[in-house]
Amino acid sequence: MADATLGTGLDSAMRPKKAARFPRTARLLRHSDFERVYKQGRRHFSASLTVFYFPRPEAQTLVAGTAPSLRKTAGLRVGFTVGRALGGAVQRNRMKRRLREAVRMSLPQAGVAADVVINPKKSLLTTDFAAILNEVTRAFAVIEQKLSQTPLETVAPPAATKRIAGSRKPEAESRS
């Protein structure tokens, strides 16, 4: 009887914590999505990685009651590409694990909806994890800042400057 009581106490005390996962809804999975980000997106460079990003206009908030596979994610979806030129399989997998953890720790919960592809540089293997985390956090902040700005076409020119037809210079207001 004492063993059974002792066993249940140990089971609850020694139960491992649930592993923090990188959710499937936050991942970029399809080849066509990667291609769209590369061809139509913008780039952000840092010391040990290059980040490509492209806004998703069709993204909507999560709709309760829909199947998880049919939900549209509101936020960033992140994918990783590590080419063979960066090393063998062991080094490439280590780079992906480090990046995945840095993204998991710094992924913003809400904000702009965009697809992001992260390409590491060879220096990522020797870079301290805190520096990688800082670079990924900074990249996400830049992406949110750039994509939340209003497009230049919608911004009206200042009212104080008049343009003379055929001239590139504004007309002087004090001319008499």
C-alpha atoms as a PDB file:
ATOM      1  CA  MET A   1       0.000   0.000   0.000  1.00  0.00           C
ATOM      2  CA  ALA A   2       2.833   2.397   0.819  1.00  0.00           C
ATOM      3  CA  ASP A   3       4.513   1.615  -2.488  1.00  0.00           C
ATOM      4  CA  ALA A   4       1.371   2.521  -4.436  1.00  0.00           C
ATOM      5  CA  THR A   5       1.048   5.820  -2.609  1.00  0.00           C
ATOM      6  CA  LEU A   6       4.720   6.536  -3.047  1.00  0.00           C
ATOM      7  CA  GLY A   7       4.503   5.660  -6.755  1.00  0.00           C
ATOM      8  CA  THR A   8       1.667   8.101  -7.455  1.00  0.00           C
ATOM      9  CA  GLY A   9       3.452  10.876  -5.606  1.00  0.00           C
ATOM     10  CA  LEU A  10       6.608  10.342  -7.608  1.00  0.00           C
ATOM     11  CA  ASP A  11       4.731  10.169 -10.892  1.00  0.00           C
ATOM     12  CA  SER A  12       3.140  13.577 -10.398  1.00  0.00           C
ATOM     13  CA  ALA A  13       6.354  15.117  -9.063  1.00  0.00           C
ATOM     14  CA  MET A  14       8.574  13.687 -11.780  1.00  0.00           C
ATOM     15  CA  ARG A  15       6.176  14.123 -14.673  1.00  0.00           C
ATOM     16  CA  PRO A  16       8.113  15.832 -17.459  1.00  0.00           C
ATOM     17  CA  LYS A  17       6.956  19.226 -18.589  1.00  0.00           C
ATOM     18  CA  LYS A  18       5.261  19.408 -21.934  1.00  0.00           C
ATOM     19  CA  ALA A  19       7.869  20.307 -24.535  1.00  0.00           C
ATOM     20  CA  ALA A  20       7.520  23.741 -26.062  1.00  0.00           C
ATOM     21  CA  ARG A  21       6.735  23.226 -29.722  1.00  0.00           C
ATOM     22  CA  PHE A  22       6.896  25.328 -32.843  1.00  0.00           C
ATOM     23  CA  PRO A  23       3.214  25.117 -33.873  1.00  0.00           C
ATOM     24  CA  ARG A  24       2.323  23.920 -37.356  1.00  0.00           C
ATOM     25  CA  THR A  25       0.145  26.996 -37.925  1.00  0.00           C
ATOM     26  CA  ALA A  26       3.229  29.196 -37.475  1.00  0.00           C
ATOM     27  CA  ARG A  27       5.301  27.289 -40.050  1.00  0.00           C
ATOM     28  CA  LEU A  28       5.738  27.932 -43.733  1.00  0.00           C
ATOM     29  CA  LEU A  29       5.374  24.498 -45.345  1.00  0.00           C
ATOM     30  CA  ARG A  30       4.551  24.615 -49.055  1.00  0.00           C
ATOM     31  CA  HIS A  31       7.130  25.096 -51.807  1.00  0.00           C
ATOM     32  CA  SER A  32       4.866  27.628 -53.551  1.00  0.00           C
ATOM     33  CA  ASP A  33       4.829  29.783 -50.397  1.00  0.00           C
ATOM     34  CA  PHE A  34       8.633  29.779 -50.251  1.00  0.00           C
ATOM     35  CA  GLU A  35       8.829  30.704 -53.954  1.00  0.00           C
ATOM     36  CA  ARG A  36       6.353  33.577 -53.530  1.00  0.00           C
ATOM     37  CA  VAL A  37       8.351  35.006 -50.628  1.00  0.00           C
ATOM     38  CA  TYR A  38      11.612  34.793 -52.592  1.00  0.00           C
ATOM     39  CA  LYS A  39      10.232  36.276 -55.817  1.00  0.00           C
ATOM     40  CA  GLN A  40       7.830  38.936 -54.554  1.00  0.00           C
ATOM     41  CA  GLY A  41       9.053  39.698 -51.052  1.00  0.00           C
ATOM     42  CA  ARG A  42      11.549  42.046 -49.465  1.00  0.00           C
ATOM     43  CA  ARG A  43      14.794  41.287 -47.627  1.00  0.00           C
ATOM     44  CA  HIS A  44      16.314  42.200 -44.284  1.00  0.00           C
ATOM     45  CA  PHE A  45      20.011  41.523 -43.690  1.00  0.00           C
ATOM     46  CA  SER A  46      21.819  40.975 -40.403  1.00  0.00           C
ATOM     47  CA  ALA A  47      25.210  39.633 -39.352  1.00  0.00           C
ATOM     48  CA  SER A  48      24.367  35.936 -39.363  1.00  0.00           C
ATOM     49  CA  LEU A  49      21.121  35.635 -41.334  1.00  0.00           C
ATOM     50  CA  THR A  50      19.056  37.009 -44.190  1.00  0.00           C
ATOM     51  CA  VAL A  51      15.307  37.303 -43.726  1.00  0.00           C
ATOM     52  CA  PHE A  52      12.882  37.379 -46.668  1.00  0.00           C
ATOM     53  CA  TYR A  53       9.306  38.480 -45.989  1.00  0.00           C
ATOM     54  CA  PHE A  54       6.076  38.999 -47.921  1.00  0.00           C
ATOM     55  CA  PRO A  55       2.713  40.221 -46.540  1.00  0.00           C
ATOM     56  CA  ARG A  56      -0.286  37.888 -46.687  1.00  0.00           C
ATOM     57  CA  PRO A  57      -3.341  39.976 -47.585  1.00  0.00           C
ATOM     58  CA  GLU A  58      -5.688  36.971 -47.440  1.00  0.00           C
ATOM     59  CA  ALA A  59      -4.796  36.147 -43.826  1.00  0.00           C
ATOM     60  CA  GLN A  60      -7.636  36.388 -41.369  1.00  0.00           C
ATOM     61  CA  THR A  61      -7.948  35.869 -37.677  1.00  0.00           C
ATOM     62  CA  LEU A  62      -8.537  32.415 -36.291  1.00  0.00           C
ATOM     63  CA  VAL A  63     -12.143  31.426 -36.592  1.00  0.00           C
ATOM     64  CA  ALA A  64     -13.436  29.376 -33.702  1.00  0.00           C
ATOM     65  CA  GLY A  65     -15.216  26.226 -34.774  1.00  0.00           C
ATOM     66  CA  THR A  66     -13.191  25.594 -37.926  1.00  0.00           C
ATOM     67  CA  ALA A  67     -10.835  22.696 -38.328  1.00  0.00           C
ATOM     68  CA  PRO A  68      -7.203  23.546 -37.521  1.00  0.00           C
ATOM     69  CA  SER A  69      -6.138  22.710 -41.079  1.00  0.00           C
ATOM     70  CA  LEU A  70      -8.667  25.186 -42.504  1.00  0.00           C
ATOM     71  CA  ARG A  71      -7.844  28.090 -40.233  1.00  0.00           C
ATOM     72  CA  LYS A  72      -6.013  31.121 -41.551  1.00  0.00           C
ATOM     73  CA  THR A  73      -3.253  32.295 -39.265  1.00  0.00           C
ATOM     74  CA  ALA A  74      -3.030  35.910 -38.233  1.00  0.00           C
ATOM     75  CA  GLY A  75       0.618  36.633 -37.705  1.00  0.00           C
ATOM     76  CA  LEU A  76       3.908  35.460 -39.042  1.00  0.00           C
ATOM     77  CA  ARG A  77       4.449  32.073 -40.683  1.00  0.00           C
ATOM     78  CA  VAL A  78       8.136  31.192 -40.656  1.00  0.00           C
ATOM     79  CA  GLY A  79      10.167  28.825 -42.825  1.00  0.00           C
ATOM     80  CA  PHE A  80      13.873  27.993 -42.884  1.00  0.00           C
ATOM     81  CA  THR A  81      16.195  27.159 -45.765  1.00  0.00           C
ATOM     82  CA  VAL A  82      19.739  25.987 -45.199  1.00  0.00           C
ATOM     83  CA  GLY A  83      21.640  25.144 -48.365  1.00  0.00           C
ATOM     84  CA  ARG A  84      24.219  22.396 -48.746  1.00  0.00           C
ATOM     85  CA  ALA A  85      26.961  24.975 -49.208  1.00  0.00           C
ATOM     86  CA  LEU A  86      26.699  25.787 -45.485  1.00  0.00           C
ATOM     87  CA  GLY A  87      27.956  22.396 -44.350  1.00  0.00           C
ATOM     88  CA  GLY A  88      27.048  18.778 -43.872  1.00  0.00           C
ATOM     89  CA  ALA A  89      23.730  17.496 -42.582  1.00  0.00           C
ATOM     90  CA  VAL A  90      24.816  17.752 -38.943  1.00  0.00           C
ATOM     91  CA  GLN A  91      25.761  21.432 -39.245  1.00  0.00           C
ATOM     92  CA  ARG A  92      22.654  22.297 -41.289  1.00  0.00           C
ATOM     93  CA  ASN A  93      20.352  20.582 -38.788  1.00  0.00           C
ATOM     94  CA  ARG A  94      22.086  22.356 -35.895  1.00  0.00           C
ATOM     95  CA  MET A  95      21.502  25.697 -37.646  1.00  0.00           C
ATOM     96  CA  LYS A  96      17.818  24.889 -38.143  1.00  0.00           C
ATOM     97  CA  ARG A  97      17.388  23.821 -34.505  1.00  0.00           C
ATOM     98  CA  ARG A  98      19.018  27.019 -33.221  1.00  0.00           C
ATOM     99  CA  LEU A  99      16.921  29.191 -35.533  1.00  0.00           C
ATOM    100  CA  ARG A 100      13.704  27.334 -34.709  1.00  0.00           C
ATOM    101  CA  GLU A 101      14.264  27.860 -30.988  1.00  0.00           C
ATOM    102  CA  ALA A 102      15.116  31.541 -31.473  1.00  0.00           C
ATOM    103  CA  VAL A 103      11.959  32.038 -33.544  1.00  0.00           C
ATOM    104  CA  ARG A 104       9.850  30.131 -31.018  1.00  0.00           C
ATOM    105  CA  MET A 105      11.129  32.339 -28.207  1.00  0.00           C
ATOM    106  CA  SER A 106      10.648  35.637 -30.049  1.00  0.00           C
ATOM    107  CA  LEU A 107       7.630  35.037 -32.319  1.00  0.00           C
ATOM    108  CA  PRO A 108       5.133  37.878 -31.854  1.00  0.00           C
ATOM    109  CA  GLN A 109       1.643  36.675 -30.943  1.00  0.00           C
ATOM    110  CA  ALA A 110      -0.283  39.197 -33.027  1.00  0.00           C
ATOM    111  CA  GLY A 111       0.557  41.813 -35.547  1.00  0.00           C
ATOM    112  CA  VAL A 112       1.013  41.892 -39.285  1.00  0.00           C
ATOM    113  CA  ALA A 113       0.246  38.788 -41.305  1.00  0.00           C
ATOM    114  CA  ALA A 114       3.271  37.809 -43.367  1.00  0.00           C
ATOM    115  CA  ASP A 115       5.262  34.850 -44.605  1.00  0.00           C
ATOM    116  CA  VAL A 116       8.920  34.854 -43.542  1.00  0.00           C
ATOM    117  CA  VAL A 117      11.837  32.742 -44.796  1.00  0.00           C
ATOM    118  CA  ILE A 118      15.086  32.786 -42.827  1.00  0.00           C
ATOM    119  CA  ASN A 119      18.386  31.920 -44.529  1.00  0.00           C
ATOM    120  CA  PRO A 120      21.321  31.558 -42.131  1.00  0.00           C
ATOM    121  CA  LYS A 121      24.920  32.367 -42.962  1.00  0.00           C
ATOM    122  CA  LYS A 122      27.848  30.091 -42.119  1.00  0.00           C
ATOM    123  CA  SER A 123      28.698  32.284 -39.114  1.00  0.00           C
ATOM    124  CA  LEU A 124      25.472  31.175 -37.375  1.00  0.00           C
ATOM    125  CA  LEU A 125      27.195  28.025 -36.107  1.00  0.00           C
ATOM    126  CA  THR A 126      29.761  29.979 -34.084  1.00  0.00           C
ATOM    127  CA  THR A 127      27.486  32.838 -33.018  1.00  0.00           C
ATOM    128  CA  ASP A 128      26.294  32.944 -29.412  1.00  0.00           C
ATOM    129  CA  PHE A 129      22.613  31.970 -29.028  1.00  0.00           C
ATOM    130  CA  ALA A 130      21.785  35.267 -27.306  1.00  0.00           C
ATOM    131  CA  ALA A 131      23.044  37.130 -30.383  1.00  0.00           C
ATOM    132  CA  ILE A 132      20.935  34.915 -32.666  1.00  0.00           C
ATOM    133  CA  LEU A 133      17.879  35.537 -30.507  1.00  0.00           C
ATOM    134  CA  ASN A 134      18.580  39.281 -30.650  1.00  0.00           C
ATOM    135  CA  GLU A 135      18.915  39.218 -34.467  1.00  0.00           C
ATOM    136  CA  VAL A 136      15.672  37.266 -34.931  1.00  0.00           C
ATOM    137  CA  THR A 137      13.799  39.579 -32.550  1.00  0.00           C
ATOM    138  CA  ARG A 138      15.169  42.618 -34.366  1.00  0.00           C
ATOM    139  CA  ALA A 139      14.197  41.144 -37.757  1.00  0.00           C
ATOM    140  CA  PHE A 140      10.614  40.561 -36.585  1.00  0.00           C
ATOM    141  CA  ALA A 141      10.441  44.131 -35.257  1.00  0.00           C
ATOM    142  CA  VAL A 142      11.694  45.505 -38.599  1.00  0.00           C
ATOM    143  CA  ILE A 143       9.192  43.374 -40.525  1.00  0.00           C
ATOM    144  CA  GLU A 144       6.287  44.567 -38.374  1.00  0.00           C
ATOM    145  CA  GLN A 145       7.436  48.179 -38.667  1.00  0.00           C
ATOM    146  CA  LYS A 146       7.870  48.045 -42.461  1.00  0.00           C
ATOM    147  CA  LEU A 147       4.624  46.211 -43.170  1.00  0.00           C
ATOM    148  CA  SER A 148       2.503  48.346 -40.843  1.00  0.00           C
ATOM    149  CA  GLN A 149       3.532  51.597 -42.563  1.00  0.00           C
ATOM    150  CA  THR A 150       1.118  53.198 -44.996  1.00  0.00           C
ATOM    151  CA  PRO A 151       2.105  52.870 -48.652  1.00  0.00           C
ATOM    152  CA  LEU A 152       3.642  55.965 -50.252  1.00  0.00           C
ATOM    153  CA  GLU A 153       0.841  56.200 -52.837  1.00  0.00           C
ATOM    154  CA  THR A 154      -1.757  56.949 -50.145  1.00  0.00           C
ATOM    155  CA  VAL A 155       0.237  59.739 -48.503  1.00  0.00           C
ATOM    156  CA  ALA A 156      -0.844  63.158 -49.800  1.00  0.00           C
ATOM    157  CA  PRO A 157       1.857  65.707 -50.712  1.00  0.00           C
ATOM    158  CA  PRO A 158       2.212  68.683 -48.342  1.00  0.00           C
ATOM    159  CA  ALA A 159      -0.244  71.514 -49.079  1.00  0.00           C
ATOM    160  CA  ALA A 160       2.364  74.308 -48.719  1.00  0.00           C
ATOM    161  CA  THR A 161       4.287  73.368 -51.868  1.00  0.00           C
ATOM    162  CA  LYS A 162       2.885  74.209 -55.295  1.00  0.00           C
ATOM    163  CA  ARG A 163       4.416  72.824 -58.439  1.00  0.00           C
ATOM    164  CA  ILE A 164       4.957  74.916 -61.535  1.00  0.00           C
ATOM    165  CA  ALA A 165       4.100  73.060 -64.742  1.00  0.00           C
ATOM    166  CA  GLY A 166       7.295  71.792 -66.363  1.00  0.00           C
ATOM    167  CA  SER A 167       9.431  72.594 -63.310  1.00  0.00           C
ATOM    168  CA  ARG A 168      10.877  70.306 -60.683  1.00  0.00           C
ATOM    169  CA  LYS A 169      11.174  72.985 -58.018  1.00  0.00           C
ATOM    170  CA  PRO A 170       8.306  74.165 -55.798  1.00  0.00           C
ATOM    171  CA  GLU A 171       7.062  77.676 -56.442  1.00  0.00           C
ATOM    172  CA  ALA A 172       8.346  80.269 -54.002  1.00  0.00           C
ATOM    173  CA  GLU A 173       5.532  81.714 -51.867  1.00  0.00           C
ATOM    174  CA  SER A 174       7.157  85.146 -51.295  1.00  0.00           C
ATOM    175  CA  ARG A 175       7.592  86.126 -54.992  1.00  0.00           C
ATOM    176  CA  SER A 176       5.958  89.391 -55.997  1.00  0.00           C
END
